[in-house]
Amino acid sequence: MNRVGYGAMQLAGPQVWGFPDDRESARRVLRLAVELGVTFFDTANAYGPRTVNQLIGQALGPIPDGVIVGNKVGAARGPDKSWIVDGRPETVRRQVHEALADMGTETSELTYLRLVGDTPGAHQDVPLEESLGALVELRDQGLIRRIGLSGASPRILARARRMTPIAAVQNRFNLLDRSGVQVLADCEAQGILFIPYFPLAAGRLSDYHELTGPAERLGATPAQIALAWLLCRSPAMVVIPGTSSTDHLRSNVAASEVAGRLTGTEVARLTELVDESKAVLDRPTSPARSHR
């Protein structure tokens, strides 16, 4: 698997709602990603809702061999465009069937269950055994090949693994926020892919010299350095930067080559930007010191 994937959220309309103004441009980005060797795509029923999955089906269907689309279920959108965690079994089952229809495929290569472990202030009243159990049933029926978790705590990951093999975990983790570090360590130990969301810190990367120094030396962008650091930080990591721009897509994919050119000292300085020992799962962390 190419460890630089593609996060499809930005292909929706404003506020991740509806279709984008230029649907063909969105489909063109998806097709180019495959041409550039991207083999992992990340999406969710809640993006649009459903419109991004429909664009993926239109652009890539039938999904090429060797390409994995990871789709999140268990989250919905309110009429005010709010984000809602909804792990009720009936919601999980419905969303799996909707995603298969939207992407024009009979089987999901990877379906994540959205949880609330890394979301400040969120609550989930549905027992894991019910929500995850619905995915296990669908896997046993042949509708899902692999099961993942999104927003998992170490405790929930351990509970989930007692029910079923877990192929991937998607939690918040980036250069400025290491709140998912313990889950990352558990994934490394258990051979589980770790897919950080907001890999570019939601656009908050700026003038940290730990980024700009290597960028200048390598003729790269700070964003490429941030992605390259993630790839160096752990062999379990698969990054999913999102963009609606073909130029940015090319730049993001090139981060895998940049990763091989970072020095050990540069990687260490980037890692030390945040004190990972103080990371708290549901609380975004901040740089240990300012280098702006």
C-alpha atoms as a PDB file:
ATOM      1  CA  MET A   1       0.000   0.000   0.000  1.00  0.00           C
ATOM      2  CA  ASN A   2       1.178   3.526  -0.813  1.00  0.00           C
ATOM      3  CA  ARG A   3       1.515   5.171   2.602  1.00  0.00           C
ATOM      4  CA  VAL A   4       0.337   8.518   1.226  1.00  0.00           C
ATOM      5  CA  GLY A   5      -3.394   8.180   0.734  1.00  0.00           C
ATOM      6  CA  TYR A   6      -6.135  10.669   0.010  1.00  0.00           C
ATOM      7  CA  GLY A   7      -8.777  12.129   2.340  1.00  0.00           C
ATOM      8  CA  ALA A   8     -11.895  12.959   0.357  1.00  0.00           C
ATOM      9  CA  MET A   9     -13.728  15.275   2.773  1.00  0.00           C
ATOM     10  CA  GLN A  10     -12.761  18.449   0.896  1.00  0.00           C
ATOM     11  CA  LEU A  11     -14.564  17.264  -2.237  1.00  0.00           C
ATOM     12  CA  ALA A  12     -17.942  18.129  -0.708  1.00  0.00           C
ATOM     13  CA  GLY A  13     -19.519  21.565  -0.933  1.00  0.00           C
ATOM     14  CA  PRO A  14     -18.982  24.340   1.651  1.00  0.00           C
ATOM     15  CA  GLN A  15     -19.134  23.120   5.271  1.00  0.00           C
ATOM     16  CA  VAL A  16     -18.780  19.567   3.911  1.00  0.00           C
ATOM     17  CA  TRP A  17     -22.374  19.822   2.718  1.00  0.00           C
ATOM     18  CA  GLY A  18     -23.853  18.910  -0.638  1.00  0.00           C
ATOM     19  CA  PHE A  19     -21.963  18.645  -3.901  1.00  0.00           C
ATOM     20  CA  PRO A  20     -19.136  20.995  -4.891  1.00  0.00           C
ATOM     21  CA  ASP A  21     -19.842  23.616  -7.536  1.00  0.00           C
ATOM     22  CA  ASP A  22     -17.596  21.809 -10.014  1.00  0.00           C
ATOM     23  CA  ARG A  23     -18.333  18.108  -9.757  1.00  0.00           C
ATOM     24  CA  GLU A  24     -16.160  17.155 -12.720  1.00  0.00           C
ATOM     25  CA  SER A  25     -13.164  18.855 -11.124  1.00  0.00           C
ATOM     26  CA  ALA A  26     -13.712  16.736  -8.006  1.00  0.00           C
ATOM     27  CA  ARG A  27     -13.924  13.570 -10.074  1.00  0.00           C
ATOM     28  CA  ARG A  28     -10.758  14.606 -11.916  1.00  0.00           C
ATOM     29  CA  VAL A  29      -8.857  14.878  -8.609  1.00  0.00           C
ATOM     30  CA  LEU A  30      -9.954  11.361  -7.648  1.00  0.00           C
ATOM     31  CA  ARG A  31      -8.902   9.879 -10.965  1.00  0.00           C
ATOM     32  CA  LEU A  32      -5.548  11.686 -10.832  1.00  0.00           C
ATOM     33  CA  ALA A  33      -4.912  10.274  -7.353  1.00  0.00           C
ATOM     34  CA  VAL A  34      -5.163   6.754  -8.752  1.00  0.00           C
ATOM     35  CA  GLU A  35      -2.901   7.708 -11.667  1.00  0.00           C
ATOM     36  CA  LEU A  36      -0.315   9.004  -9.170  1.00  0.00           C
ATOM     37  CA  GLY A  37      -0.305   5.683  -7.344  1.00  0.00           C
ATOM     38  CA  VAL A  38      -2.618   6.436  -4.417  1.00  0.00           C
ATOM     39  CA  THR A  39      -4.088   3.166  -3.189  1.00  0.00           C
ATOM     40  CA  PHE A  40      -5.929   4.291  -0.035  1.00  0.00           C
ATOM     41  CA  PHE A  41      -8.892   6.676   0.028  1.00  0.00           C
ATOM     42  CA  ASP A  42     -10.670   7.878   3.165  1.00  0.00           C
ATOM     43  CA  THR A  43     -14.303   8.957   3.165  1.00  0.00           C
ATOM     44  CA  ALA A  44     -17.535   8.832   5.196  1.00  0.00           C
ATOM     45  CA  ASN A  45     -21.282   8.757   4.731  1.00  0.00           C
ATOM     46  CA  ALA A  46     -21.420  12.025   6.682  1.00  0.00           C
ATOM     47  CA  TYR A  47     -19.436  13.893   4.008  1.00  0.00           C
ATOM     48  CA  GLY A  48     -22.156  15.640   2.071  1.00  0.00           C
ATOM     49  CA  PRO A  49     -23.893  13.628   3.493  1.00  0.00           C
ATOM     50  CA  ARG A  50     -23.322  10.846   0.923  1.00  0.00           C
ATOM     51  CA  THR A  51     -22.280  13.177  -1.900  1.00  0.00           C
ATOM     52  CA  VAL A  52     -18.545  12.450  -1.587  1.00  0.00           C
ATOM     53  CA  ASN A  53     -19.161   8.702  -1.735  1.00  0.00           C
ATOM     54  CA  GLN A  54     -21.259   9.256  -4.837  1.00  0.00           C
ATOM     55  CA  LEU A  55     -18.416  11.216  -6.452  1.00  0.00           C
ATOM     56  CA  ILE A  56     -16.022   8.382  -5.619  1.00  0.00           C
ATOM     57  CA  GLY A  57     -18.366   5.887  -7.258  1.00  0.00           C
ATOM     58  CA  GLN A  58     -18.719   8.071 -10.347  1.00  0.00           C
ATOM     59  CA  ALA A  59     -14.989   8.717 -10.686  1.00  0.00           C
ATOM     60  CA  LEU A  60     -13.489   5.374  -9.714  1.00  0.00           C
ATOM     61  CA  GLY A  61     -16.236   2.825 -10.175  1.00  0.00           C
ATOM     62  CA  PRO A  62     -15.716  -0.004 -10.451  1.00  0.00           C
ATOM     63  CA  ILE A  63     -13.111   0.494  -7.711  1.00  0.00           C
ATOM     64  CA  PRO A  64      -9.770  -0.609  -9.238  1.00  0.00           C
ATOM     65  CA  ASP A  65      -8.044  -3.720  -7.928  1.00  0.00           C
ATOM     66  CA  GLY A  66      -5.542  -2.833  -5.235  1.00  0.00           C
ATOM     67  CA  VAL A  67      -7.388   0.342  -4.201  1.00  0.00           C
ATOM     68  CA  ILE A  68      -8.906   0.425  -0.718  1.00  0.00           C
ATOM     69  CA  VAL A  69     -11.635   2.908   0.169  1.00  0.00           C
ATOM     70  CA  GLY A  70     -12.024   3.289   3.924  1.00  0.00           C
ATOM     71  CA  ASN A  71     -15.523   4.513   4.752  1.00  0.00           C
ATOM     72  CA  LYS A  72     -16.696   5.721   8.167  1.00  0.00           C
ATOM     73  CA  VAL A  73     -20.156   4.910   9.479  1.00  0.00           C
ATOM     74  CA  GLY A  74     -21.783   5.748  12.798  1.00  0.00           C
ATOM     75  CA  ALA A  75     -21.791   9.502  12.208  1.00  0.00           C
ATOM     76  CA  ALA A  76     -24.518  11.676  10.736  1.00  0.00           C
ATOM     77  CA  ARG A  77     -25.323  15.326  10.045  1.00  0.00           C
ATOM     78  CA  GLY A  78     -28.024  17.419  11.655  1.00  0.00           C
ATOM     79  CA  PRO A  79     -30.301  19.760   9.679  1.00  0.00           C
ATOM     80  CA  ASP A  80     -28.081  22.615  10.898  1.00  0.00           C
ATOM     81  CA  LYS A  81     -25.066  20.832   9.314  1.00  0.00           C
ATOM     82  CA  SER A  82     -23.802  19.768  12.747  1.00  0.00           C
ATOM     83  CA  TRP A  83     -21.846  16.537  13.209  1.00  0.00           C
ATOM     84  CA  ILE A  84     -23.549  13.790  15.209  1.00  0.00           C
ATOM     85  CA  VAL A  85     -22.121  10.469  16.416  1.00  0.00           C
ATOM     86  CA  ASP A  86     -24.844   7.859  15.917  1.00  0.00           C
ATOM     87  CA  GLY A  87     -23.712   4.307  16.601  1.00  0.00           C
ATOM     88  CA  ARG A  88     -27.132   2.710  16.765  1.00  0.00           C
ATOM     89  CA  PRO A  89     -27.024  -0.661  14.977  1.00  0.00           C
ATOM     90  CA  GLU A  90     -29.806   0.363  12.606  1.00  0.00           C
ATOM     91  CA  THR A  91     -27.819   3.460  11.596  1.00  0.00           C
ATOM     92  CA  VAL A  92     -24.632   1.475  11.112  1.00  0.00           C
ATOM     93  CA  ARG A  93     -26.366  -1.112   8.929  1.00  0.00           C
ATOM     94  CA  ARG A  94     -28.189   1.504   6.858  1.00  0.00           C
ATOM     95  CA  GLN A  95     -25.053   3.531   6.257  1.00  0.00           C
ATOM     96  CA  VAL A  96     -23.059   0.494   5.122  1.00  0.00           C
ATOM     97  CA  HIS A  97     -25.734  -0.313   2.535  1.00  0.00           C
ATOM     98  CA  GLU A  98     -25.902   3.348   1.466  1.00  0.00           C
ATOM     99  CA  ALA A  99     -22.141   3.512   0.979  1.00  0.00           C
ATOM    100  CA  LEU A 100     -22.107   0.364  -1.121  1.00  0.00           C
ATOM    101  CA  ALA A 101     -24.866   1.795  -3.319  1.00  0.00           C
ATOM    102  CA  ASP A 102     -23.234   5.220  -3.583  1.00  0.00           C
ATOM    103  CA  MET A 103     -19.847   3.782  -4.580  1.00  0.00           C
ATOM    104  CA  GLY A 104     -21.307   1.096  -6.819  1.00  0.00           C
ATOM    105  CA  THR A 105     -19.616  -1.840  -5.134  1.00  0.00           C
ATOM    106  CA  GLU A 106     -20.819  -5.046  -3.520  1.00  0.00           C
ATOM    107  CA  THR A 107     -18.235  -5.152  -0.741  1.00  0.00           C
ATOM    108  CA  SER A 108     -16.497  -2.541   1.405  1.00  0.00           C
ATOM    109  CA  GLU A 109     -12.766  -3.220   1.670  1.00  0.00           C
ATOM    110  CA  LEU A 110     -12.665  -1.260   4.958  1.00  0.00           C
ATOM    111  CA  THR A 111     -15.443   0.194   7.079  1.00  0.00           C
ATOM    112  CA  TYR A 112     -14.651   2.196  10.215  1.00  0.00           C
ATOM    113  CA  LEU A 113     -16.982   2.658  13.151  1.00  0.00           C
ATOM    114  CA  ARG A 114     -16.926   6.283  14.301  1.00  0.00           C
ATOM    115  CA  LEU A 115     -16.509   6.570  18.082  1.00  0.00           C
ATOM    116  CA  VAL A 116     -16.158   9.540  20.446  1.00  0.00           C
ATOM    117  CA  GLY A 117     -12.956   8.665  22.296  1.00  0.00           C
ATOM    118  CA  ASP A 118     -10.900  11.528  20.860  1.00  0.00           C
ATOM    119  CA  THR A 119     -13.701  14.111  20.601  1.00  0.00           C
ATOM    120  CA  PRO A 120     -13.823  16.676  23.438  1.00  0.00           C
ATOM    121  CA  GLY A 121     -17.193  16.741  25.174  1.00  0.00           C
ATOM    122  CA  ALA A 122     -18.778  14.013  23.050  1.00  0.00           C
ATOM    123  CA  HIS A 123     -20.837  11.186  24.503  1.00  0.00           C
ATOM    124  CA  GLN A 124     -21.922   7.819  23.148  1.00  0.00           C
ATOM    125  CA  ASP A 125     -24.736   5.912  24.799  1.00  0.00           C
ATOM    126  CA  VAL A 126     -24.722   2.919  22.433  1.00  0.00           C
ATOM    127  CA  PRO A 127     -22.702  -0.017  23.815  1.00  0.00           C
ATOM    128  CA  LEU A 128     -19.738  -0.958  21.649  1.00  0.00           C
ATOM    129  CA  GLU A 129     -20.977  -4.526  21.524  1.00  0.00           C
ATOM    130  CA  GLU A 130     -24.106  -3.324  19.692  1.00  0.00           C
ATOM    131  CA  SER A 131     -22.578  -0.834  17.254  1.00  0.00           C
ATOM    132  CA  LEU A 132     -19.461  -2.839  16.441  1.00  0.00           C
ATOM    133  CA  GLY A 133     -21.505  -6.012  16.559  1.00  0.00           C
ATOM    134  CA  ALA A 134     -23.545  -4.705  13.623  1.00  0.00           C
ATOM    135  CA  LEU A 135     -20.358  -4.380  11.557  1.00  0.00           C
ATOM    136  CA  VAL A 136     -19.250  -7.861  12.545  1.00  0.00           C
ATOM    137  CA  GLU A 137     -22.576  -9.224  11.297  1.00  0.00           C
ATOM    138  CA  LEU A 138     -22.197  -7.394   7.988  1.00  0.00           C
ATOM    139  CA  ARG A 139     -18.645  -8.707   7.629  1.00  0.00           C
ATOM    140  CA  ASP A 140     -19.871 -12.232   8.218  1.00  0.00           C
ATOM    141  CA  GLN A 141     -22.460 -11.622   5.468  1.00  0.00           C
ATOM    142  CA  GLY A 142     -19.685 -10.652   3.052  1.00  0.00           C
ATOM    143  CA  LEU A 143     -20.539  -6.944   2.802  1.00  0.00           C
ATOM    144  CA  ILE A 144     -17.352  -5.826   4.603  1.00  0.00           C
ATOM    145  CA  ARG A 145     -13.845  -7.289   4.367  1.00  0.00           C
ATOM    146  CA  ARG A 146     -12.055  -5.314   7.102  1.00  0.00           C
ATOM    147  CA  ILE A 147     -13.265  -3.399  10.148  1.00  0.00           C
ATOM    148  CA  GLY A 148     -11.661  -0.268  11.570  1.00  0.00           C
ATOM    149  CA  LEU A 149     -12.281   2.246  14.343  1.00  0.00           C
ATOM    150  CA  SER A 150     -12.243   6.039  14.248  1.00  0.00           C
ATOM    151  CA  GLY A 151     -11.812   8.032  17.425  1.00  0.00           C
ATOM    152  CA  ALA A 152     -10.817   5.058  19.571  1.00  0.00           C
ATOM    153  CA  SER A 153      -9.315   5.112  23.053  1.00  0.00           C
ATOM    154  CA  PRO A 154      -6.800   2.420  24.070  1.00  0.00           C
ATOM    155  CA  ARG A 155      -9.471   0.827  26.253  1.00  0.00           C
ATOM    156  CA  ILE A 156     -12.038   0.755  23.447  1.00  0.00           C
ATOM    157  CA  LEU A 157      -9.470  -0.630  21.011  1.00  0.00           C
ATOM    158  CA  ALA A 158      -8.759  -3.469  23.434  1.00  0.00           C
ATOM    159  CA  ARG A 159     -12.489  -4.178  23.850  1.00  0.00           C
ATOM    160  CA  ALA A 160     -13.005  -4.128  20.097  1.00  0.00           C
ATOM    161  CA  ARG A 161     -10.152  -6.547  19.482  1.00  0.00           C
ATOM    162  CA  ARG A 162     -11.817  -9.048  21.794  1.00  0.00           C
ATOM    163  CA  MET A 163     -14.783  -8.979  19.397  1.00  0.00           C
ATOM    164  CA  THR A 164     -13.071  -8.892  16.002  1.00  0.00           C
ATOM    165  CA  PRO A 165      -9.737  -8.214  14.289  1.00  0.00           C
ATOM    166  CA  ILE A 166      -9.228  -4.471  13.775  1.00  0.00           C
ATOM    167  CA  ALA A 167      -7.408  -3.534  10.566  1.00  0.00           C
ATOM    168  CA  ALA A 168      -7.042   0.222  11.043  1.00  0.00           C
ATOM    169  CA  VAL A 169      -7.570   3.016  13.547  1.00  0.00           C
ATOM    170  CA  GLN A 170      -8.128   6.632  12.568  1.00  0.00           C
ATOM    171  CA  ASN A 171      -7.446   9.145  15.341  1.00  0.00           C
ATOM    172  CA  ARG A 172      -6.348  12.749  15.565  1.00  0.00           C
ATOM    173  CA  PHE A 173      -2.572  13.054  15.239  1.00  0.00           C
ATOM    174  CA  ASN A 174      -0.291  15.545  13.544  1.00  0.00           C
ATOM    175  CA  LEU A 175       2.861  17.571  14.072  1.00  0.00           C
ATOM    176  CA  LEU A 176       1.139  19.935  16.519  1.00  0.00           C
ATOM    177  CA  ASP A 177      -1.298  17.518  18.167  1.00  0.00           C
ATOM    178  CA  ARG A 178      -0.142  14.151  19.538  1.00  0.00           C
ATOM    179  CA  SER A 179      -3.303  13.295  21.466  1.00  0.00           C
ATOM    180  CA  GLY A 180      -3.499   9.908  19.725  1.00  0.00           C
ATOM    181  CA  VAL A 181       0.009   8.820  20.691  1.00  0.00           C
ATOM    182  CA  GLN A 182      -0.976   5.967  23.033  1.00  0.00           C
ATOM    183  CA  VAL A 183      -3.371   4.528  20.454  1.00  0.00           C
ATOM    184  CA  LEU A 184      -0.585   4.815  17.882  1.00  0.00           C
ATOM    185  CA  ALA A 185       1.707   2.813  20.175  1.00  0.00           C
ATOM    186  CA  ASP A 186      -0.954   0.129  20.589  1.00  0.00           C
ATOM    187  CA  CYS A 187      -1.441  -0.057  16.814  1.00  0.00           C
ATOM    188  CA  GLU A 188       2.297  -0.459  16.286  1.00  0.00           C
ATOM    189  CA  ALA A 189       2.420  -3.293  18.810  1.00  0.00           C
ATOM    190  CA  GLN A 190      -0.597  -5.060  17.313  1.00  0.00           C
ATOM    191  CA  GLY A 191       0.140  -4.639  13.595  1.00  0.00           C
ATOM    192  CA  ILE A 192      -2.774  -2.262  13.000  1.00  0.00           C
ATOM    193  CA  LEU A 193      -2.641   0.603  10.499  1.00  0.00           C
ATOM    194  CA  PHE A 194      -2.854   4.047  12.105  1.00  0.00           C
ATOM    195  CA  ILE A 195      -4.430   6.715   9.910  1.00  0.00           C
ATOM    196  CA  PRO A 196      -4.147  10.210  11.417  1.00  0.00           C
ATOM    197  CA  TYR A 197      -6.908  12.643  10.598  1.00  0.00           C
ATOM    198  CA  PHE A 198      -6.086  16.330  10.252  1.00  0.00           C
ATOM    199  CA  PRO A 199      -2.542  15.252   9.242  1.00  0.00           C
ATOM    200  CA  LEU A 200      -1.688  18.850   8.345  1.00  0.00           C
ATOM    201  CA  ALA A 201      -3.079  20.270  11.606  1.00  0.00           C
ATOM    202  CA  ALA A 202      -6.112  21.753   9.836  1.00  0.00           C
ATOM    203  CA  GLY A 203      -3.924  24.402   8.195  1.00  0.00           C
ATOM    204  CA  ARG A 204      -2.274  25.629  11.424  1.00  0.00           C
ATOM    205  CA  LEU A 205       1.285  24.891  10.323  1.00  0.00           C
ATOM    206  CA  SER A 206       3.186  28.092   9.701  1.00  0.00           C
ATOM    207  CA  ASP A 207       6.620  29.387  10.631  1.00  0.00           C
ATOM    208  CA  TYR A 208       8.102  26.690  12.865  1.00  0.00           C
ATOM    209  CA  HIS A 209      11.752  26.558  11.891  1.00  0.00           C
ATOM    210  CA  GLU A 210      11.744  22.805  12.492  1.00  0.00           C
ATOM    211  CA  LEU A 211       9.581  22.723   9.338  1.00  0.00           C
ATOM    212  CA  THR A 212      11.026  25.594   7.321  1.00  0.00           C
ATOM    213  CA  GLY A 213      14.646  24.501   7.767  1.00  0.00           C
ATOM    214  CA  PRO A 214      14.228  21.041   6.198  1.00  0.00           C
ATOM    215  CA  ALA A 215      11.845  22.520   3.595  1.00  0.00           C
ATOM    216  CA  GLU A 216      14.481  24.983   2.443  1.00  0.00           C
ATOM    217  CA  ARG A 217      17.208  22.327   2.412  1.00  0.00           C
ATOM    218  CA  LEU A 218      15.144  19.899   0.350  1.00  0.00           C
ATOM    219  CA  GLY A 219      13.305  22.372  -1.871  1.00  0.00           C
ATOM    220  CA  ALA A 220      10.047  21.129  -0.373  1.00  0.00           C
ATOM    221  CA  THR A 221       7.014  22.783   1.181  1.00  0.00           C
ATOM    222  CA  PRO A 222       6.354  22.861   4.941  1.00  0.00           C
ATOM    223  CA  ALA A 223       3.267  20.713   4.309  1.00  0.00           C
ATOM    224  CA  GLN A 224       5.396  18.080   2.605  1.00  0.00           C
ATOM    225  CA  ILE A 225       7.775  18.080   5.563  1.00  0.00           C
ATOM    226  CA  ALA A 226       4.873  17.669   8.006  1.00  0.00           C
ATOM    227  CA  LEU A 227       3.555  14.684   6.033  1.00  0.00           C
ATOM    228  CA  ALA A 228       7.039  13.236   5.656  1.00  0.00           C
ATOM    229  CA  TRP A 229       7.541  13.488   9.420  1.00  0.00           C
ATOM    230  CA  LEU A 230       4.383  11.443  10.008  1.00  0.00           C
ATOM    231  CA  LEU A 231       5.685   8.730   7.692  1.00  0.00           C
ATOM    232  CA  CYS A 232       9.002   8.733   9.582  1.00  0.00           C
ATOM    233  CA  ARG A 233       7.304   8.870  12.986  1.00  0.00           C
ATOM    234  CA  SER A 234       5.869   5.366  12.675  1.00  0.00           C
ATOM    235  CA  PRO A 235       5.874   2.526  10.128  1.00  0.00           C
ATOM    236  CA  ALA A 236       2.207   1.957  11.042  1.00  0.00           C
ATOM    237  CA  MET A 237       1.245   5.369   9.681  1.00  0.00           C
ATOM    238  CA  VAL A 238      -0.751   5.940   6.487  1.00  0.00           C
ATOM    239  CA  VAL A 239      -1.447   9.633   5.883  1.00  0.00           C
ATOM    240  CA  ILE A 240      -4.587  10.962   4.186  1.00  0.00           C
ATOM    241  CA  PRO A 241      -4.118  14.649   3.278  1.00  0.00           C
ATOM    242  CA  GLY A 242      -7.138  16.063   1.510  1.00  0.00           C
ATOM    243  CA  THR A 243      -7.381  18.631  -1.246  1.00  0.00           C
ATOM    244  CA  SER A 244      -9.587  19.668  -4.140  1.00  0.00           C
ATOM    245  CA  SER A 245      -6.551  20.919  -6.094  1.00  0.00           C
ATOM    246  CA  THR A 246      -4.619  18.756  -8.538  1.00  0.00           C
ATOM    247  CA  ASP A 247      -1.439  20.736  -7.819  1.00  0.00           C
ATOM    248  CA  HIS A 248      -1.738  20.185  -4.081  1.00  0.00           C
ATOM    249  CA  LEU A 249      -2.506  16.528  -4.711  1.00  0.00           C
ATOM    250  CA  ARG A 250       0.740  16.096  -6.650  1.00  0.00           C
ATOM    251  CA  SER A 251       2.643  17.872  -3.882  1.00  0.00           C
ATOM    252  CA  ASN A 252       1.092  15.708  -1.166  1.00  0.00           C
ATOM    253  CA  VAL A 253       1.871  12.462  -2.969  1.00  0.00           C
ATOM    254  CA  ALA A 254       5.495  13.588  -3.387  1.00  0.00           C
ATOM    255  CA  ALA A 255       5.833  13.713   0.428  1.00  0.00           C
ATOM    256  CA  SER A 256       6.708  10.010   0.407  1.00  0.00           C
ATOM    257  CA  GLU A 257       9.892  10.794  -1.513  1.00  0.00           C
ATOM    258  CA  VAL A 258      10.660  13.696   0.829  1.00  0.00           C
ATOM    259  CA  ALA A 259      10.387  11.358   3.831  1.00  0.00           C
ATOM    260  CA  GLY A 260      13.352   9.359   2.602  1.00  0.00           C
ATOM    261  CA  ARG A 261      15.510  12.477   2.572  1.00  0.00           C
ATOM    262  CA  LEU A 262      14.840  13.803   6.070  1.00  0.00           C
ATOM    263  CA  THR A 263      17.760  13.348   8.447  1.00  0.00           C
ATOM    264  CA  GLY A 264      17.408  11.634  11.797  1.00  0.00           C
ATOM    265  CA  THR A 265      18.183  14.937  13.502  1.00  0.00           C
ATOM    266  CA  GLU A 266      15.431  16.734  11.598  1.00  0.00           C
ATOM    267  CA  VAL A 267      12.918  14.024  12.462  1.00  0.00           C
ATOM    268  CA  ALA A 268      13.912  14.176  16.137  1.00  0.00           C
ATOM    269  CA  ARG A 269      13.546  17.967  16.278  1.00  0.00           C
ATOM    270  CA  LEU A 270      10.084  17.766  14.744  1.00  0.00           C
ATOM    271  CA  THR A 271       9.071  15.031  17.186  1.00  0.00           C
ATOM    272  CA  GLU A 272      10.312  17.088  20.135  1.00  0.00           C
ATOM    273  CA  LEU A 273       8.142  20.032  19.136  1.00  0.00           C
ATOM    274  CA  VAL A 274       5.402  18.521  21.349  1.00  0.00           C
ATOM    275  CA  ASP A 275       5.871  16.708  24.652  1.00  0.00           C
ATOM    276  CA  GLU A 276       4.101  13.456  23.819  1.00  0.00           C
ATOM    277  CA  SER A 277       4.283  12.276  27.432  1.00  0.00           C
ATOM    278  CA  LYS A 278       1.638  14.864  28.318  1.00  0.00           C
ATOM    279  CA  ALA A 279      -0.764  13.965  25.515  1.00  0.00           C
ATOM    280  CA  VAL A 280      -4.411  13.434  26.502  1.00  0.00           C
ATOM    281  CA  LEU A 281      -6.661  11.580  24.094  1.00  0.00           C
ATOM    282  CA  ASP A 282      -9.663  13.914  24.044  1.00  0.00           C
ATOM    283  CA  ARG A 283      -7.665  17.125  24.428  1.00  0.00           C
ATOM    284  CA  PRO A 284      -5.737  18.573  21.473  1.00  0.00           C
ATOM    285  CA  THR A 285      -2.143  19.174  22.519  1.00  0.00           C
ATOM    286  CA  SER A 286       0.002  22.214  21.741  1.00  0.00           C
ATOM    287  CA  PRO A 287       3.659  22.725  20.867  1.00  0.00           C
ATOM    288  CA  ALA A 288       5.931  22.549  23.899  1.00  0.00           C
ATOM    289  CA  ARG A 289       7.524  25.835  22.925  1.00  0.00           C
ATOM    290  CA  SER A 290       7.086  28.464  20.237  1.00  0.00           C
ATOM    291  CA  HIS A 291       9.513  28.646  17.335  1.00  0.00           C
ATOM    292  CA  ARG A 292       7.709  31.146  15.167  1.00  0.00           C
END
